Amino acid sequence: MDYKDTINLPQTEFAMKANLANREPAMLEAWEKAGLYQQIQQRTAGRPMWVLHDGPPYANGDIHMGHAVNKILKDMVVKSRLLAGFHSPYVPGWDCHGLPIELQVEKKHGKVGHKLDAAAFRAHCREYAERQIDLQRDGFRRMGVLGDWYQPYTTKAFLYEADMIRALASIMRGGHLLQGA
């Protein structure tokens, strides 16, 4: 005798296995297709603003546990502020300058002045950073972090670089930058 038919078990639409590895891409695609982040921003637009400025990671390699902890904690804070009644946009960013990127480019293309000139080296650095941003963005999105992923700020943006030069010029004009011995 099969006792299964004699027991009144609850019925559910939920799958008995989480099967997240297979379901994750479909969930992310549905969020993207629905414009979930944009909808949240539109619906909270009239609320008081609360901004978490994202101190950016270097665009120089695969994400690691430190990146994951950093982004997930920031995502939790931003989402908690949304639930607390604030308009809280999250604009991610990437640091695209500095030694970590230059070292990776040197490994592949050689040092400036030996195998390539400064302009070519900078171009390779920009290309490398852009590839790393794409990889890291995909990783952060796969973690379920909501943000304006396709309009991030990057330190390699020419407008950003020009703003930094203008800020330095202002500091110099004010006499706050001194040449040391």
Protein backbone atom coordinates (compact mmCIF):
# COMPACT_ATOMS: atom_id res chain seq x y z
CA MET A 1 0.00 0.00 0.00
CA ASP A 2 1.25 3.51 -0.87
CA TYR A 3 0.66 5.76 2.13
CA LYS A 4 1.55 8.92 0.20
CA ASP A 5 -1.99 9.16 -1.11
CA THR A 6 -3.46 8.81 2.40
CA ILE A 7 -1.60 11.80 3.88
CA ASN A 8 -2.83 15.36 3.48
CA LEU A 9 0.39 17.17 2.52
CA PRO A 10 0.47 20.89 1.69
CA GLN A 11 1.03 21.80 -1.93
CA THR A 12 3.48 24.52 -2.94
CA GLU A 13 4.78 26.14 -6.10
CA PHE A 14 8.25 26.41 -4.57
CA ALA A 15 10.86 24.03 -5.89
CA MET A 16 12.08 21.46 -3.38
CA LYS A 17 15.69 22.25 -4.30
CA ALA A 18 17.13 25.75 -4.27
CA ASN A 19 19.15 25.01 -7.43
CA LEU A 20 20.55 28.55 -7.23
CA ALA A 21 23.38 28.00 -9.68
CA ASN A 22 20.82 27.35 -12.41
CA ARG A 23 18.19 29.88 -11.25
CA GLU A 24 20.56 32.81 -10.66
CA PRO A 25 21.07 33.83 -14.32
CA ALA A 26 17.30 33.84 -14.91
CA MET A 27 16.69 35.98 -11.80
CA LEU A 28 19.35 38.50 -12.80
CA GLU A 29 18.01 38.63 -16.34
CA ALA A 30 14.48 39.25 -15.03
CA TRP A 31 15.74 42.09 -12.79
CA GLU A 32 17.62 43.60 -15.72
CA LYS A 33 14.70 43.24 -18.12
CA ALA A 34 12.29 44.79 -15.60
CA GLY A 35 14.71 47.66 -14.93
CA LEU A 36 14.48 46.95 -11.20
CA TYR A 37 17.15 49.47 -10.13
CA GLN A 38 15.67 52.20 -12.35
CA GLN A 39 12.16 51.49 -11.02
CA ILE A 40 13.37 51.79 -7.43
CA GLN A 41 15.08 55.09 -8.21
CA GLN A 42 11.99 56.50 -9.94
CA ARG A 43 9.65 55.49 -7.13
CA THR A 44 11.86 56.99 -4.41
CA ALA A 45 12.81 60.16 -6.31
CA GLY A 46 10.86 62.60 -4.09
CA ARG A 47 12.24 61.30 -0.81
CA PRO A 48 15.11 62.84 1.19
CA MET A 49 18.46 61.93 -0.41
CA TRP A 50 20.92 59.58 1.27
CA VAL A 51 24.14 58.84 -0.62
CA LEU A 52 26.82 56.27 0.05
CA HIS A 53 29.90 57.32 -1.90
CA ASP A 54 31.55 54.15 -3.14
CA GLY A 55 35.28 54.17 -2.48
CA PRO A 56 36.26 52.36 -5.64
CA PRO A 57 38.26 49.18 -6.02
CA TYR A 58 41.18 49.08 -8.43
CA ALA A 59 40.17 47.79 -11.85
CA ASN A 60 42.98 45.26 -11.84
CA GLY A 61 41.75 41.71 -11.55
CA ASP A 62 39.03 39.29 -10.58
CA ILE A 63 36.93 40.11 -7.57
CA HIS A 64 37.93 38.40 -4.34
CA MET A 65 36.41 37.92 -0.89
CA GLY A 66 37.37 41.46 0.18
CA HIS A 67 35.52 42.91 -2.81
CA ALA A 68 32.51 40.72 -2.06
CA VAL A 69 32.30 41.73 1.61
CA ASN A 70 32.76 45.42 0.70
CA LYS A 71 30.07 45.49 -1.99
CA ILE A 72 27.55 43.32 -0.14
CA LEU A 73 27.82 45.44 3.02
CA LYS A 74 27.39 48.64 1.00
CA ASP A 75 24.42 47.10 -0.81
CA MET A 76 22.82 46.19 2.53
CA VAL A 77 23.28 49.73 3.84
CA VAL A 78 21.86 51.33 0.69
CA LYS A 79 18.86 48.98 0.70
CA SER A 80 18.25 49.61 4.42
CA ARG A 81 18.19 53.36 3.71
CA LEU A 82 15.66 52.76 0.93
CA LEU A 83 13.47 50.83 3.36
CA ALA A 84 13.88 53.65 5.91
CA GLY A 85 12.27 56.07 3.47
CA PHE A 86 15.22 57.64 1.66
CA HIS A 87 16.07 58.05 -2.00
CA SER A 88 19.38 56.22 -2.04
CA PRO A 89 21.02 55.79 -5.43
CA TYR A 90 24.11 53.61 -5.67
CA VAL A 91 26.64 54.64 -8.29
CA PRO A 92 29.59 52.24 -8.32
CA GLY A 93 33.05 53.36 -9.30
CA TRP A 94 36.48 52.10 -10.21
CA ASP A 95 39.98 53.43 -9.62
CA CYS A 96 41.72 53.11 -12.97
CA HIS A 97 45.07 54.71 -12.13
CA GLY A 98 48.11 53.57 -10.28
CA LEU A 99 50.64 50.88 -9.81
CA PRO A 100 48.38 47.78 -9.76
CA ILE A 101 47.17 48.42 -13.31
CA GLU A 102 50.56 49.58 -14.56
CA LEU A 103 52.25 46.42 -13.25
CA GLN A 104 49.77 44.20 -15.10
CA VAL A 105 50.30 46.14 -18.33
CA GLU A 106 54.09 46.00 -17.92
CA LYS A 107 53.93 42.21 -17.59
CA LYS A 108 52.16 41.95 -20.93
CA HIS A 109 53.57 44.84 -22.98
CA GLY A 110 56.85 45.84 -21.33
CA LYS A 111 58.06 48.98 -19.62
CA VAL A 112 57.56 52.51 -20.86
CA GLY A 113 60.56 53.64 -22.89
CA HIS A 114 61.76 50.10 -23.62
CA LYS A 115 59.10 48.47 -25.78
CA LEU A 116 56.53 51.24 -26.07
CA ASP A 117 56.15 54.97 -25.58
CA ALA A 118 54.17 56.67 -22.81
CA ALA A 119 51.07 57.29 -24.96
CA ALA A 120 50.85 53.63 -26.02
CA PHE A 121 51.41 52.51 -22.41
CA ARG A 122 48.57 54.74 -21.16
CA ALA A 123 46.30 53.42 -23.92
CA HIS A 124 47.06 49.83 -22.87
CA CYS A 125 46.35 50.78 -19.23
CA ARG A 126 42.97 52.24 -20.22
CA GLU A 127 42.09 49.11 -22.24
CA TYR A 128 43.16 46.82 -19.40
CA ALA A 129 41.13 48.81 -16.87
CA GLU A 130 38.04 48.70 -19.10
CA ARG A 131 38.26 44.90 -19.43
CA GLN A 132 38.65 44.54 -15.66
CA ILE A 133 35.67 46.84 -15.01
CA ASP A 134 33.53 44.63 -17.25
CA LEU A 135 34.62 41.48 -15.38
CA GLN A 136 34.17 43.00 -11.94
CA ARG A 137 30.81 44.56 -12.83
CA ASP A 138 29.52 41.13 -13.90
CA GLY A 139 30.76 39.62 -10.64
CA PHE A 140 29.12 42.29 -8.49
CA ARG A 141 25.85 41.99 -10.42
CA ARG A 142 25.92 38.21 -9.90
CA MET A 143 26.06 38.88 -6.14
CA GLY A 144 22.72 40.68 -6.46
CA VAL A 145 24.15 44.13 -5.78
CA LEU A 146 21.79 46.69 -7.29
CA GLY A 147 23.27 49.86 -8.75
CA ASP A 148 23.72 52.07 -11.77
CA TRP A 149 26.16 49.58 -13.29
CA TYR A 150 26.20 51.05 -16.78
CA GLN A 151 26.90 54.63 -15.70
CA PRO A 152 29.66 54.19 -13.12
CA TYR A 153 32.25 56.76 -12.29
CA THR A 154 35.80 55.87 -13.25
CA THR A 155 38.99 57.76 -12.54
CA LYS A 156 40.01 57.21 -16.16
CA ALA A 157 37.19 59.41 -17.47
CA PHE A 158 38.75 62.44 -19.13
CA LEU A 159 36.25 64.75 -17.40
CA TYR A 160 37.27 63.32 -14.02
CA GLU A 161 40.96 63.78 -14.84
CA ALA A 162 40.32 67.37 -15.96
CA ASP A 163 38.45 68.09 -12.71
CA MET A 164 41.42 66.81 -10.71
CA ILE A 165 43.80 69.06 -12.64
CA ARG A 166 41.49 72.04 -12.05
CA ALA A 167 41.35 71.24 -8.34
CA LEU A 168 45.15 71.02 -8.17
CA ALA A 169 45.43 74.36 -10.02
CA SER A 170 43.07 75.94 -7.48
CA ILE A 171 45.20 74.63 -4.62
CA MET A 172 48.31 76.03 -6.29
CA ARG A 173 46.67 79.43 -6.94
CA GLY A 174 45.72 79.60 -3.28
CA GLY A 175 49.36 79.12 -2.31
CA HIS A 176 48.66 75.84 -0.53
CA LEU A 177 51.10 73.71 -2.50
CA LEU A 178 54.73 74.17 -1.61
CA GLN A 179 57.86 72.77 -3.19
CA GLY A 180 59.95 70.96 -0.62
CA ALA A 181 63.69 70.52 -0.38
